[in-house]
N, C-alpha and C. Protein backbone atom coordinates (compact mmCIF):
# COMPACT_ATOMS: atom_id res chain seq x y z
N MET A 1 0.82 -1.19 -0.01
CA MET A 1 0.00 0.00 0.00
C MET A 1 0.84 1.25 -0.02
N ILE A 2 1.85 1.29 0.95
CA ILE A 2 2.77 2.43 1.02
C ILE A 2 3.58 2.53 -0.27
N GLU A 3 4.04 1.36 -0.76
CA GLU A 3 4.80 1.30 -1.99
C GLU A 3 3.99 1.85 -3.13
N GLN A 4 2.71 1.50 -3.22
CA GLN A 4 1.83 1.96 -4.26
C GLN A 4 1.73 3.47 -4.32
N LYS A 5 1.69 4.07 -3.14
CA LYS A 5 1.59 5.54 -3.00
C LYS A 5 2.82 6.19 -3.63
N ALA A 6 4.01 5.63 -3.34
CA ALA A 6 5.26 6.16 -3.88
C ALA A 6 5.29 5.96 -5.40
N ILE A 7 4.83 4.83 -5.89
CA ILE A 7 4.81 4.53 -7.31
C ILE A 7 3.89 5.54 -8.10
N GLU A 8 2.69 5.81 -7.50
CA GLU A 8 1.79 6.74 -8.08
C GLU A 8 2.38 8.14 -8.14
N GLN A 9 2.97 8.56 -7.04
CA GLN A 9 3.63 9.84 -6.95
C GLN A 9 4.69 10.07 -8.01
N LEU A 10 5.58 9.06 -8.15
CA LEU A 10 6.67 9.11 -9.06
C LEU A 10 6.16 8.99 -10.56
N SER A 11 5.23 8.10 -10.78
CA SER A 11 4.68 7.86 -12.10
C SER A 11 3.96 9.06 -12.67
N GLN A 12 3.34 9.88 -11.79
CA GLN A 12 2.64 11.07 -12.26
C GLN A 12 3.50 12.26 -12.42
N TYR A 13 4.74 12.17 -12.15
CA TYR A 13 5.70 13.31 -12.26
C TYR A 13 5.66 13.96 -13.61
N ARG A 14 5.82 13.17 -14.66
CA ARG A 14 5.88 13.77 -16.01
C ARG A 14 4.57 14.47 -16.39
N GLN A 15 3.46 13.79 -16.01
CA GLN A 15 2.17 14.36 -16.28
C GLN A 15 1.95 15.69 -15.59
N LYS A 16 2.40 15.76 -14.31
CA LYS A 16 2.28 17.02 -13.51
C LYS A 16 3.15 18.08 -14.11
N LEU A 17 4.37 17.68 -14.52
CA LEU A 17 5.32 18.63 -15.15
C LEU A 17 4.71 19.22 -16.44
N ALA A 18 4.06 18.32 -17.24
CA ALA A 18 3.47 18.80 -18.51
C ALA A 18 2.31 19.75 -18.20
N ARG A 19 1.47 19.41 -17.21
CA ARG A 19 0.36 20.28 -16.86
C ARG A 19 0.86 21.59 -16.31
N LEU A 20 1.89 21.61 -15.55
CA LEU A 20 2.51 22.82 -15.05
C LEU A 20 2.95 23.73 -16.14
N GLN A 21 3.59 23.10 -17.19
CA GLN A 21 4.06 23.86 -18.31
C GLN A 21 2.91 24.47 -19.06
N VAL A 22 1.80 23.76 -19.26
CA VAL A 22 0.63 24.29 -19.93
C VAL A 22 0.01 25.42 -19.12
N LEU A 23 -0.09 25.22 -17.80
CA LEU A 23 -0.68 26.26 -16.94
C LEU A 23 0.17 27.50 -16.92
N SER A 24 1.46 27.35 -16.97
CA SER A 24 2.39 28.55 -16.86
C SER A 24 2.23 29.46 -18.02
N THR A 25 1.77 28.95 -19.17
CA THR A 25 1.59 29.79 -20.34
C THR A 25 0.17 30.27 -20.58
N TYR A 26 -0.73 29.84 -19.70
CA TYR A 26 -2.14 30.21 -19.79
C TYR A 26 -2.29 31.72 -19.65
N SER A 27 -2.84 32.42 -20.64
CA SER A 27 -3.00 33.85 -20.66
C SER A 27 -4.24 34.30 -19.87
N VAL A 28 -4.05 35.31 -19.04
CA VAL A 28 -5.20 35.91 -18.32
C VAL A 28 -5.50 37.29 -18.86
N GLY A 29 -4.90 37.68 -19.94
CA GLY A 29 -5.18 38.96 -20.55
C GLY A 29 -3.98 39.91 -20.32
N SER A 30 -3.92 40.94 -21.19
CA SER A 30 -2.93 42.01 -21.11
C SER A 30 -1.47 41.38 -21.11
N GLY A 31 -1.26 40.27 -21.76
CA GLY A 31 0.07 39.65 -21.83
C GLY A 31 0.51 39.04 -20.54
N ILE A 32 -0.40 38.90 -19.55
CA ILE A 32 -0.01 38.33 -18.26
C ILE A 32 -0.33 36.80 -18.27
N THR A 33 0.60 36.01 -17.76
CA THR A 33 0.42 34.55 -17.72
C THR A 33 0.21 34.11 -16.27
N ILE A 34 -0.24 32.91 -16.12
CA ILE A 34 -0.41 32.32 -14.77
C ILE A 34 0.86 32.31 -13.99
N SER A 35 1.97 31.96 -14.63
CA SER A 35 3.27 31.93 -13.92
C SER A 35 3.65 33.22 -13.40
N ARG A 36 3.30 34.32 -14.15
CA ARG A 36 3.66 35.67 -13.67
C ARG A 36 2.76 36.01 -12.47
N LEU A 37 1.45 35.64 -12.54
CA LEU A 37 0.53 35.91 -11.42
C LEU A 37 1.00 35.23 -10.15
N ASN A 38 1.65 34.05 -10.33
CA ASN A 38 2.02 33.28 -9.19
C ASN A 38 3.24 33.83 -8.41
N GLN A 39 3.98 34.72 -9.04
CA GLN A 39 5.21 35.27 -8.43
C GLN A 39 4.87 35.99 -7.16
N ASP A 40 5.74 35.79 -6.15
CA ASP A 40 5.58 36.52 -4.91
C ASP A 40 5.77 38.00 -5.16
N ASP A 41 5.21 38.84 -4.25
CA ASP A 41 5.35 40.26 -4.39
C ASP A 41 5.72 40.91 -3.05
N GLN A 42 5.83 42.19 -3.05
CA GLN A 42 6.23 42.91 -1.79
C GLN A 42 5.17 42.79 -0.71
N LEU A 43 3.90 42.72 -1.08
CA LEU A 43 2.86 42.51 -0.03
C LEU A 43 3.11 41.20 0.70
N GLN A 44 3.53 40.13 0.03
CA GLN A 44 3.78 38.88 0.70
C GLN A 44 4.94 39.02 1.70
N GLU A 45 5.99 39.76 1.29
CA GLU A 45 7.10 39.98 2.19
C GLU A 45 6.67 40.77 3.43
N LEU A 46 5.87 41.80 3.19
CA LEU A 46 5.35 42.58 4.29
C LEU A 46 4.55 41.70 5.27
N HIS A 47 3.70 40.85 4.65
CA HIS A 47 2.85 39.98 5.47
C HIS A 47 3.73 39.07 6.32
N ARG A 48 4.79 38.51 5.73
CA ARG A 48 5.66 37.61 6.45
C ARG A 48 6.26 38.33 7.67
N ARG A 49 6.67 39.63 7.49
CA ARG A 49 7.27 40.38 8.57
C ARG A 49 6.23 40.64 9.65
N LEU A 50 4.98 41.05 9.23
CA LEU A 50 3.92 41.38 10.19
C LEU A 50 3.46 40.19 11.00
N ARG A 51 3.58 38.98 10.36
CA ARG A 51 3.09 37.80 11.06
C ARG A 51 3.84 37.57 12.38
N GLY A 52 5.03 38.09 12.51
CA GLY A 52 5.78 37.93 13.75
C GLY A 52 5.29 38.87 14.89
N LEU A 53 4.44 39.83 14.56
CA LEU A 53 3.94 40.77 15.55
C LEU A 53 2.52 40.39 15.95
N PRO A 54 2.12 40.71 17.19
CA PRO A 54 0.68 40.53 17.57
C PRO A 54 -0.19 41.41 16.69
N SER A 55 -1.32 40.88 16.21
CA SER A 55 -2.16 41.63 15.23
C SER A 55 -2.69 42.95 15.79
N TYR A 56 -2.89 43.07 17.13
CA TYR A 56 -3.43 44.28 17.68
C TYR A 56 -2.45 45.46 17.50
N MET A 57 -1.22 45.14 17.16
CA MET A 57 -0.21 46.22 17.01
C MET A 57 -0.30 46.89 15.63
N TYR A 58 -0.95 46.20 14.68
CA TYR A 58 -1.04 46.85 13.34
C TYR A 58 -2.43 46.72 12.71
N LEU A 59 -3.40 46.13 13.41
CA LEU A 59 -4.74 46.04 12.90
C LEU A 59 -5.75 46.76 13.84
N ASN A 60 -6.72 47.46 13.23
CA ASN A 60 -7.77 48.03 14.09
C ASN A 60 -8.78 46.93 14.47
N LYS A 61 -9.80 47.26 15.27
CA LYS A 61 -10.72 46.27 15.76
C LYS A 61 -11.44 45.54 14.59
N HIS A 62 -11.96 46.26 13.63
CA HIS A 62 -12.62 45.59 12.53
C HIS A 62 -11.69 44.70 11.74
N GLU A 63 -10.44 45.12 11.50
CA GLU A 63 -9.49 44.34 10.76
C GLU A 63 -9.16 43.07 11.53
N GLN A 64 -9.17 43.19 12.88
CA GLN A 64 -8.91 41.96 13.73
C GLN A 64 -10.08 40.95 13.56
N GLU A 65 -11.28 41.52 13.43
CA GLU A 65 -12.45 40.62 13.19
C GLU A 65 -12.27 39.89 11.83
N LEU A 66 -11.82 40.63 10.83
CA LEU A 66 -11.63 40.00 9.52
C LEU A 66 -10.55 38.92 9.61
N GLU A 67 -9.47 39.24 10.32
CA GLU A 67 -8.41 38.25 10.49
C GLU A 67 -8.89 37.01 11.22
N SER A 68 -9.70 37.23 12.21
CA SER A 68 -10.24 36.11 12.98
C SER A 68 -11.12 35.18 12.13
N VAL A 69 -11.96 35.78 11.33
CA VAL A 69 -12.83 34.99 10.41
C VAL A 69 -11.96 34.30 9.35
N ALA A 70 -10.97 34.93 8.82
CA ALA A 70 -10.05 34.30 7.86
C ALA A 70 -9.41 33.07 8.42
N HIS A 71 -8.89 33.22 9.64
CA HIS A 71 -8.22 32.07 10.28
C HIS A 71 -9.22 30.93 10.56
N ALA A 72 -10.48 31.27 10.83
CA ALA A 72 -11.47 30.27 11.14
C ALA A 72 -11.85 29.43 9.86
N TYR A 73 -11.84 30.10 8.72
CA TYR A 73 -12.36 29.44 7.51
C TYR A 73 -11.29 28.96 6.51
N LEU A 74 -10.05 29.52 6.64
CA LEU A 74 -9.02 29.07 5.68
C LEU A 74 -8.40 27.82 6.14
N THR A 75 -8.31 26.80 5.23
CA THR A 75 -7.67 25.59 5.58
C THR A 75 -6.24 25.61 5.16
N ARG A 76 -5.86 26.49 4.25
CA ARG A 76 -4.45 26.68 3.86
C ARG A 76 -4.20 28.15 3.57
N TYR A 77 -2.96 28.56 3.58
CA TYR A 77 -2.56 29.91 3.36
C TYR A 77 -1.56 29.98 2.21
N PRO A 78 -2.08 29.92 0.97
CA PRO A 78 -1.20 29.88 -0.17
C PRO A 78 -0.43 31.20 -0.42
N ALA A 79 0.67 31.13 -1.05
CA ALA A 79 1.43 32.34 -1.41
C ALA A 79 0.78 33.01 -2.61
N GLY A 80 0.79 34.30 -2.69
CA GLY A 80 0.24 35.01 -3.79
C GLY A 80 -1.22 35.50 -3.52
N THR A 81 -1.45 36.72 -3.85
CA THR A 81 -2.76 37.32 -3.57
C THR A 81 -3.93 36.62 -4.30
N ARG A 82 -3.69 36.19 -5.54
CA ARG A 82 -4.75 35.58 -6.27
C ARG A 82 -5.07 34.18 -5.70
N ALA A 83 -4.13 33.44 -5.34
CA ALA A 83 -4.38 32.14 -4.71
C ALA A 83 -5.09 32.27 -3.37
N GLN A 84 -4.74 33.35 -2.63
CA GLN A 84 -5.40 33.57 -1.34
C GLN A 84 -6.89 33.89 -1.55
N LEU A 85 -7.21 34.62 -2.62
CA LEU A 85 -8.60 34.91 -2.93
C LEU A 85 -9.33 33.60 -3.18
N ALA A 86 -8.68 32.70 -3.98
CA ALA A 86 -9.36 31.46 -4.26
C ALA A 86 -9.60 30.62 -3.02
N ALA A 87 -8.76 30.78 -2.04
CA ALA A 87 -8.86 29.97 -0.81
C ALA A 87 -9.91 30.53 0.17
N VAL A 88 -10.37 31.80 0.00
CA VAL A 88 -11.42 32.36 0.84
C VAL A 88 -12.78 31.82 0.43
N PRO A 89 -13.45 31.09 1.33
CA PRO A 89 -14.79 30.59 0.91
C PRO A 89 -15.81 31.71 0.72
N THR A 90 -16.82 31.40 -0.09
CA THR A 90 -17.87 32.39 -0.37
C THR A 90 -18.99 32.27 0.64
N ARG A 91 -19.11 31.16 1.36
CA ARG A 91 -20.18 30.94 2.30
C ARG A 91 -19.62 30.86 3.71
N GLY A 92 -20.35 31.42 4.68
CA GLY A 92 -19.98 31.34 6.05
C GLY A 92 -21.00 30.58 6.86
N ALA A 93 -20.70 30.29 8.13
CA ALA A 93 -21.62 29.53 8.95
C ALA A 93 -22.86 30.38 9.32
N ASP A 94 -22.75 31.68 9.39
CA ASP A 94 -23.89 32.52 9.62
C ASP A 94 -23.70 33.80 8.76
N GLU A 95 -24.72 34.63 8.89
CA GLU A 95 -24.79 35.85 8.08
C GLU A 95 -23.61 36.80 8.34
N GLU A 96 -23.25 36.95 9.59
CA GLU A 96 -22.18 37.85 9.95
C GLU A 96 -20.81 37.37 9.38
N ASP A 97 -20.57 36.07 9.54
CA ASP A 97 -19.32 35.50 8.96
C ASP A 97 -19.31 35.67 7.44
N GLU A 98 -20.43 35.42 6.81
CA GLU A 98 -20.52 35.51 5.37
C GLU A 98 -20.20 36.91 4.88
N LYS A 99 -20.72 37.85 5.64
CA LYS A 99 -20.49 39.28 5.29
C LYS A 99 -18.98 39.61 5.39
N LEU A 100 -18.35 39.11 6.45
CA LEU A 100 -16.93 39.39 6.63
C LEU A 100 -16.08 38.68 5.57
N LEU A 101 -16.49 37.46 5.17
CA LEU A 101 -15.77 36.74 4.12
C LEU A 101 -15.89 37.45 2.81
N GLN A 102 -17.09 38.01 2.51
CA GLN A 102 -17.25 38.77 1.30
C GLN A 102 -16.43 40.02 1.29
N GLU A 103 -16.31 40.64 2.44
CA GLU A 103 -15.45 41.80 2.58
C GLU A 103 -13.99 41.48 2.26
N ILE A 104 -13.57 40.35 2.82
CA ILE A 104 -12.18 39.91 2.58
C ILE A 104 -11.97 39.66 1.13
N ARG A 105 -12.89 38.96 0.44
CA ARG A 105 -12.74 38.71 -1.00
C ARG A 105 -12.69 40.04 -1.75
N SER A 106 -13.59 40.95 -1.35
CA SER A 106 -13.66 42.25 -2.03
C SER A 106 -12.36 43.04 -1.92
N LYS A 107 -11.72 42.95 -0.72
CA LYS A 107 -10.45 43.69 -0.49
C LYS A 107 -9.36 43.05 -1.35
N ILE A 108 -9.28 41.73 -1.42
CA ILE A 108 -8.29 41.11 -2.23
C ILE A 108 -8.50 41.44 -3.72
N LYS A 109 -9.76 41.40 -4.18
CA LYS A 109 -10.10 41.79 -5.55
C LYS A 109 -9.56 43.21 -5.90
N LYS A 110 -9.73 44.13 -4.95
CA LYS A 110 -9.31 45.46 -5.18
C LYS A 110 -7.77 45.54 -5.33
N VAL A 111 -7.07 44.73 -4.54
CA VAL A 111 -5.60 44.74 -4.71
C VAL A 111 -5.23 44.24 -6.06
N ILE A 112 -5.90 43.19 -6.51
CA ILE A 112 -5.65 42.62 -7.86
C ILE A 112 -5.95 43.64 -8.97
N ALA A 113 -7.06 44.30 -8.84
CA ALA A 113 -7.48 45.34 -9.82
C ALA A 113 -6.50 46.54 -9.81
N ALA A 114 -6.04 46.95 -8.59
CA ALA A 114 -5.09 48.05 -8.50
C ALA A 114 -3.78 47.77 -9.18
N ARG A 115 -3.46 46.47 -9.35
CA ARG A 115 -2.20 46.10 -10.02
C ARG A 115 -2.41 45.99 -11.56
N GLY A 116 -3.58 46.29 -12.00
CA GLY A 116 -3.89 46.23 -13.44
C GLY A 116 -4.16 44.88 -13.91
N TRP A 117 -4.62 43.96 -13.02
CA TRP A 117 -4.89 42.57 -13.42
C TRP A 117 -6.38 42.29 -13.43
N GLU A 118 -7.20 43.20 -13.96
CA GLU A 118 -8.58 42.98 -14.11
C GLU A 118 -8.84 41.85 -15.04
N MET A 119 -9.67 40.90 -14.67
CA MET A 119 -9.95 39.76 -15.52
C MET A 119 -11.45 39.48 -15.54
N ASP A 120 -11.91 38.98 -16.71
CA ASP A 120 -13.32 38.70 -16.87
C ASP A 120 -13.77 37.55 -15.97
N ASP A 121 -13.05 36.46 -16.04
CA ASP A 121 -13.42 35.29 -15.26
C ASP A 121 -12.41 35.05 -14.13
N LEU A 122 -12.45 35.85 -13.14
CA LEU A 122 -11.41 35.85 -12.07
C LEU A 122 -11.40 34.47 -11.35
N ASP A 123 -12.57 33.90 -11.07
CA ASP A 123 -12.58 32.67 -10.36
C ASP A 123 -11.91 31.52 -11.13
N ALA A 124 -12.04 31.52 -12.42
CA ALA A 124 -11.39 30.50 -13.27
C ALA A 124 -9.91 30.68 -13.22
N VAL A 125 -9.46 31.94 -13.26
CA VAL A 125 -8.03 32.22 -13.18
C VAL A 125 -7.45 31.82 -11.86
N LEU A 126 -8.20 32.12 -10.79
CA LEU A 126 -7.76 31.79 -9.45
C LEU A 126 -7.60 30.30 -9.25
N GLU A 127 -8.54 29.52 -9.85
CA GLU A 127 -8.45 28.07 -9.74
C GLU A 127 -7.17 27.60 -10.41
N ARG A 128 -6.86 28.16 -11.57
CA ARG A 128 -5.62 27.77 -12.30
C ARG A 128 -4.36 28.15 -11.51
N VAL A 129 -4.41 29.31 -10.86
CA VAL A 129 -3.24 29.75 -10.04
C VAL A 129 -3.05 28.75 -8.92
N ALA A 130 -4.14 28.39 -8.26
CA ALA A 130 -4.05 27.48 -7.12
C ALA A 130 -3.52 26.10 -7.57
N GLU A 131 -4.04 25.64 -8.76
CA GLU A 131 -3.55 24.35 -9.29
C GLU A 131 -2.08 24.47 -9.65
N TYR A 132 -1.67 25.57 -10.27
CA TYR A 132 -0.26 25.79 -10.58
C TYR A 132 0.61 25.68 -9.36
N GLN A 133 0.19 26.34 -8.31
CA GLN A 133 1.03 26.37 -7.05
C GLN A 133 1.08 24.97 -6.42
N ASP A 134 -0.02 24.25 -6.44
CA ASP A 134 -0.04 22.89 -5.90
C ASP A 134 0.89 21.94 -6.69
N LEU A 135 0.77 22.07 -7.99
CA LEU A 135 1.63 21.19 -8.86
C LEU A 135 3.14 21.50 -8.62
N LYS A 136 3.40 22.80 -8.53
CA LYS A 136 4.83 23.23 -8.35
C LYS A 136 5.36 22.66 -7.07
N THR A 137 4.56 22.73 -6.01
CA THR A 137 4.95 22.21 -4.72
C THR A 137 5.17 20.70 -4.77
N GLU A 138 4.24 19.98 -5.45
CA GLU A 138 4.39 18.51 -5.51
C GLU A 138 5.64 18.10 -6.28
N ILE A 139 5.90 18.81 -7.42
CA ILE A 139 7.10 18.52 -8.19
C ILE A 139 8.39 18.80 -7.45
N GLU A 140 8.39 19.92 -6.76
CA GLU A 140 9.59 20.31 -6.00
C GLU A 140 9.79 19.31 -4.86
N ARG A 141 8.71 18.79 -4.25
CA ARG A 141 8.82 17.77 -3.20
C ARG A 141 9.49 16.49 -3.70
N ILE A 142 8.98 16.02 -4.87
CA ILE A 142 9.57 14.81 -5.44
C ILE A 142 11.06 15.03 -5.76
N ASP A 143 11.39 16.14 -6.37
CA ASP A 143 12.78 16.47 -6.69
C ASP A 143 13.68 16.51 -5.41
N THR A 144 13.15 17.08 -4.35
CA THR A 144 13.87 17.17 -3.10
C THR A 144 14.08 15.81 -2.50
N VAL A 145 13.08 14.98 -2.52
CA VAL A 145 13.19 13.60 -1.93
C VAL A 145 14.23 12.82 -2.72
N LEU A 146 14.16 12.90 -4.08
CA LEU A 146 15.10 12.13 -4.89
C LEU A 146 16.57 12.64 -4.70
N ALA A 147 16.70 13.98 -4.55
CA ALA A 147 18.01 14.54 -4.31
C ALA A 147 18.59 14.06 -2.99
N ALA A 148 17.74 13.96 -1.95
CA ALA A 148 18.15 13.48 -0.64
C ALA A 148 18.52 11.98 -0.71
N LEU A 149 17.78 11.23 -1.46
CA LEU A 149 18.01 9.78 -1.62
C LEU A 149 19.35 9.59 -2.36
N GLU A 150 19.57 10.47 -3.35
CA GLU A 150 20.79 10.37 -4.18
C GLU A 150 22.07 10.60 -3.34
N ALA A 151 21.92 11.37 -2.26
CA ALA A 151 23.05 11.68 -1.43
C ALA A 151 23.61 10.48 -0.72
N TYR A 152 22.76 9.48 -0.41
CA TYR A 152 23.29 8.29 0.25
C TYR A 152 22.99 6.97 -0.44
N LYS A 153 22.08 7.01 -1.39
CA LYS A 153 21.84 5.75 -2.23
C LYS A 153 21.65 6.17 -3.69
N PRO A 154 22.72 6.61 -4.34
CA PRO A 154 22.63 7.11 -5.71
C PRO A 154 22.04 6.12 -6.69
N GLY A 155 22.37 4.83 -6.50
CA GLY A 155 21.78 3.80 -7.42
C GLY A 155 20.28 3.74 -7.33
N TYR A 156 19.72 3.81 -6.13
CA TYR A 156 18.27 3.80 -5.93
C TYR A 156 17.63 4.98 -6.60
N ALA A 157 18.22 6.16 -6.34
CA ALA A 157 17.64 7.41 -6.90
C ALA A 157 17.65 7.31 -8.39
N LYS A 158 18.72 6.84 -8.96
CA LYS A 158 18.89 6.70 -10.50
C LYS A 158 17.80 5.77 -10.98
N LEU A 159 17.63 4.64 -10.32
CA LEU A 159 16.58 3.69 -10.74
C LEU A 159 15.24 4.31 -10.75
N LEU A 160 14.86 5.03 -9.72
CA LEU A 160 13.56 5.70 -9.65
C LEU A 160 13.41 6.73 -10.72
N ARG A 161 14.44 7.53 -10.98
CA ARG A 161 14.40 8.49 -12.05
C ARG A 161 14.17 7.87 -13.40
N ILE A 162 14.94 6.87 -13.74
CA ILE A 162 14.85 6.29 -15.05
C ILE A 162 13.56 5.51 -15.22
N HIS A 163 13.21 4.67 -14.25
CA HIS A 163 12.05 3.81 -14.33
C HIS A 163 10.73 4.59 -14.22
N TYR A 164 10.64 5.50 -13.30
CA TYR A 164 9.33 6.17 -13.05
C TYR A 164 9.27 7.58 -13.70
N LEU A 165 10.26 8.39 -13.49
CA LEU A 165 10.21 9.74 -14.01
C LEU A 165 10.37 9.75 -15.53
N ASP A 166 11.33 8.91 -16.02
CA ASP A 166 11.53 8.82 -17.49
C ASP A 166 10.60 7.81 -18.12
N GLY A 167 9.96 7.00 -17.30
CA GLY A 167 8.97 6.01 -17.87
C GLY A 167 9.58 4.84 -18.62
N LYS A 168 10.83 4.45 -18.35
CA LYS A 168 11.46 3.41 -19.14
C LYS A 168 11.11 2.04 -18.48
N PRO A 169 10.95 0.99 -19.31
CA PRO A 169 10.59 -0.33 -18.74
C PRO A 169 11.80 -0.92 -17.96
N TRP A 170 11.49 -1.98 -17.25
CA TRP A 170 12.51 -2.55 -16.34
C TRP A 170 13.80 -2.94 -17.09
N ASP A 171 13.67 -3.56 -18.28
CA ASP A 171 14.83 -4.04 -18.99
C ASP A 171 15.78 -2.88 -19.43
N GLU A 172 15.20 -1.78 -19.89
CA GLU A 172 16.01 -0.61 -20.29
C GLU A 172 16.68 0.00 -19.06
N THR A 173 15.90 0.10 -17.97
CA THR A 173 16.43 0.65 -16.69
C THR A 173 17.56 -0.20 -16.19
N ALA A 174 17.40 -1.54 -16.20
CA ALA A 174 18.46 -2.48 -15.73
C ALA A 174 19.70 -2.34 -16.59
N ARG A 175 19.53 -2.15 -17.92
CA ARG A 175 20.63 -2.02 -18.83
C ARG A 175 21.39 -0.72 -18.52
N GLU A 176 20.66 0.41 -18.27
CA GLU A 176 21.32 1.70 -17.93
C GLU A 176 22.09 1.61 -16.61
N LEU A 177 21.55 0.83 -15.69
CA LEU A 177 22.15 0.71 -14.36
C LEU A 177 23.23 -0.41 -14.35
N ASN A 178 23.26 -1.19 -15.49
CA ASN A 178 24.19 -2.28 -15.59
C ASN A 178 24.03 -3.31 -14.55
N VAL A 179 22.70 -3.68 -14.34
CA VAL A 179 22.39 -4.75 -13.33
C VAL A 179 21.46 -5.78 -13.99
N SER A 180 21.35 -6.96 -13.35
CA SER A 180 20.50 -8.01 -13.79
C SER A 180 19.05 -7.73 -13.47
N LYS A 181 18.12 -8.53 -14.01
CA LYS A 181 16.67 -8.40 -13.76
C LYS A 181 16.44 -8.58 -12.23
N ASP A 182 17.02 -9.59 -11.63
CA ASP A 182 16.81 -9.86 -10.19
C ASP A 182 17.29 -8.67 -9.36
N VAL A 183 18.46 -8.11 -9.70
CA VAL A 183 19.00 -6.98 -8.94
C VAL A 183 18.03 -5.77 -9.12
N PHE A 184 17.56 -5.59 -10.36
CA PHE A 184 16.65 -4.47 -10.63
C PHE A 184 15.46 -4.55 -9.67
N TYR A 185 14.82 -5.73 -9.60
CA TYR A 185 13.60 -5.84 -8.75
C TYR A 185 13.89 -5.73 -7.26
N ARG A 186 15.08 -6.22 -6.82
CA ARG A 186 15.47 -6.03 -5.46
C ARG A 186 15.67 -4.58 -5.15
N TRP A 187 16.43 -3.90 -5.97
CA TRP A 187 16.71 -2.46 -5.83
C TRP A 187 15.44 -1.65 -5.88
N ARG A 188 14.55 -2.03 -6.79
CA ARG A 188 13.31 -1.20 -6.96
C ARG A 188 12.49 -1.22 -5.66
N LYS A 189 12.33 -2.40 -5.08
CA LYS A 189 11.61 -2.55 -3.81
C LYS A 189 12.25 -1.73 -2.70
N LYS A 190 13.58 -1.86 -2.60
CA LYS A 190 14.31 -1.11 -1.54
C LYS A 190 14.28 0.42 -1.82
N ALA A 191 14.42 0.78 -3.10
CA ALA A 191 14.40 2.20 -3.48
C ALA A 191 13.07 2.83 -3.10
N LEU A 192 11.95 2.12 -3.38
CA LEU A 192 10.62 2.64 -3.06
C LEU A 192 10.45 2.76 -1.53
N GLU A 193 10.97 1.77 -0.82
CA GLU A 193 10.87 1.85 0.68
C GLU A 193 11.67 3.06 1.21
N GLU A 194 12.89 3.29 0.66
CA GLU A 194 13.69 4.37 1.08
C GLU A 194 13.04 5.69 0.74
N TYR A 195 12.53 5.77 -0.47
CA TYR A 195 11.81 6.99 -0.96
C TYR A 195 10.70 7.33 0.04
N GLU A 196 9.92 6.32 0.39
CA GLU A 196 8.76 6.50 1.27
C GLU A 196 9.19 6.96 2.65
N LYS A 197 10.28 6.46 3.13
CA LYS A 197 10.80 6.86 4.49
C LYS A 197 11.19 8.33 4.48
N ILE A 198 11.81 8.79 3.41
CA ILE A 198 12.25 10.18 3.35
C ILE A 198 11.02 11.09 3.10
N ALA A 199 10.10 10.61 2.27
CA ALA A 199 8.99 11.49 1.86
C ALA A 199 7.89 11.63 2.97
N LYS A 200 7.95 10.90 4.03
CA LYS A 200 6.95 10.98 5.10
C LYS A 200 6.82 12.39 5.58
């Protein structure tokens, strides 16, 4: 079961990379692409600095209410203003929460508009930005795990790259590694186990 999870993760690498490439060139108008929208900005840096301070030091009472509602409803805090807008739900548990959530969405939309990124179908764009960020994170994670594995078991890492990331069958992989069929299958099992240990 655990092995299957690692196999799926590695086998989908090329597909995710291809999807990321397509998404990165998706145009949102005015020559702006999804990859450009995803880039961090100065507001994100400011937010990171402010996060270290208690909110009452820089937010008024109403802004603290907005912050409280955001924390209650957000399940993740993506980087980038557009992805944050996509993460803010449109519905709240009660009328007051819903009103505050709509205000948060409205404020984020104003920031996007002020930067000259007015779009007809903003929600569709935001979905693509969120997908782009998730795929980028997943691909980076696989690369990081394989690099870590390569540091102490280079043969295992090479096997996983050739067999799963490059999609080559066992015989071609074994030939590139200069090992027999039996060694290939032993290494593959151990490589997947090691990958899973690191990826936890």
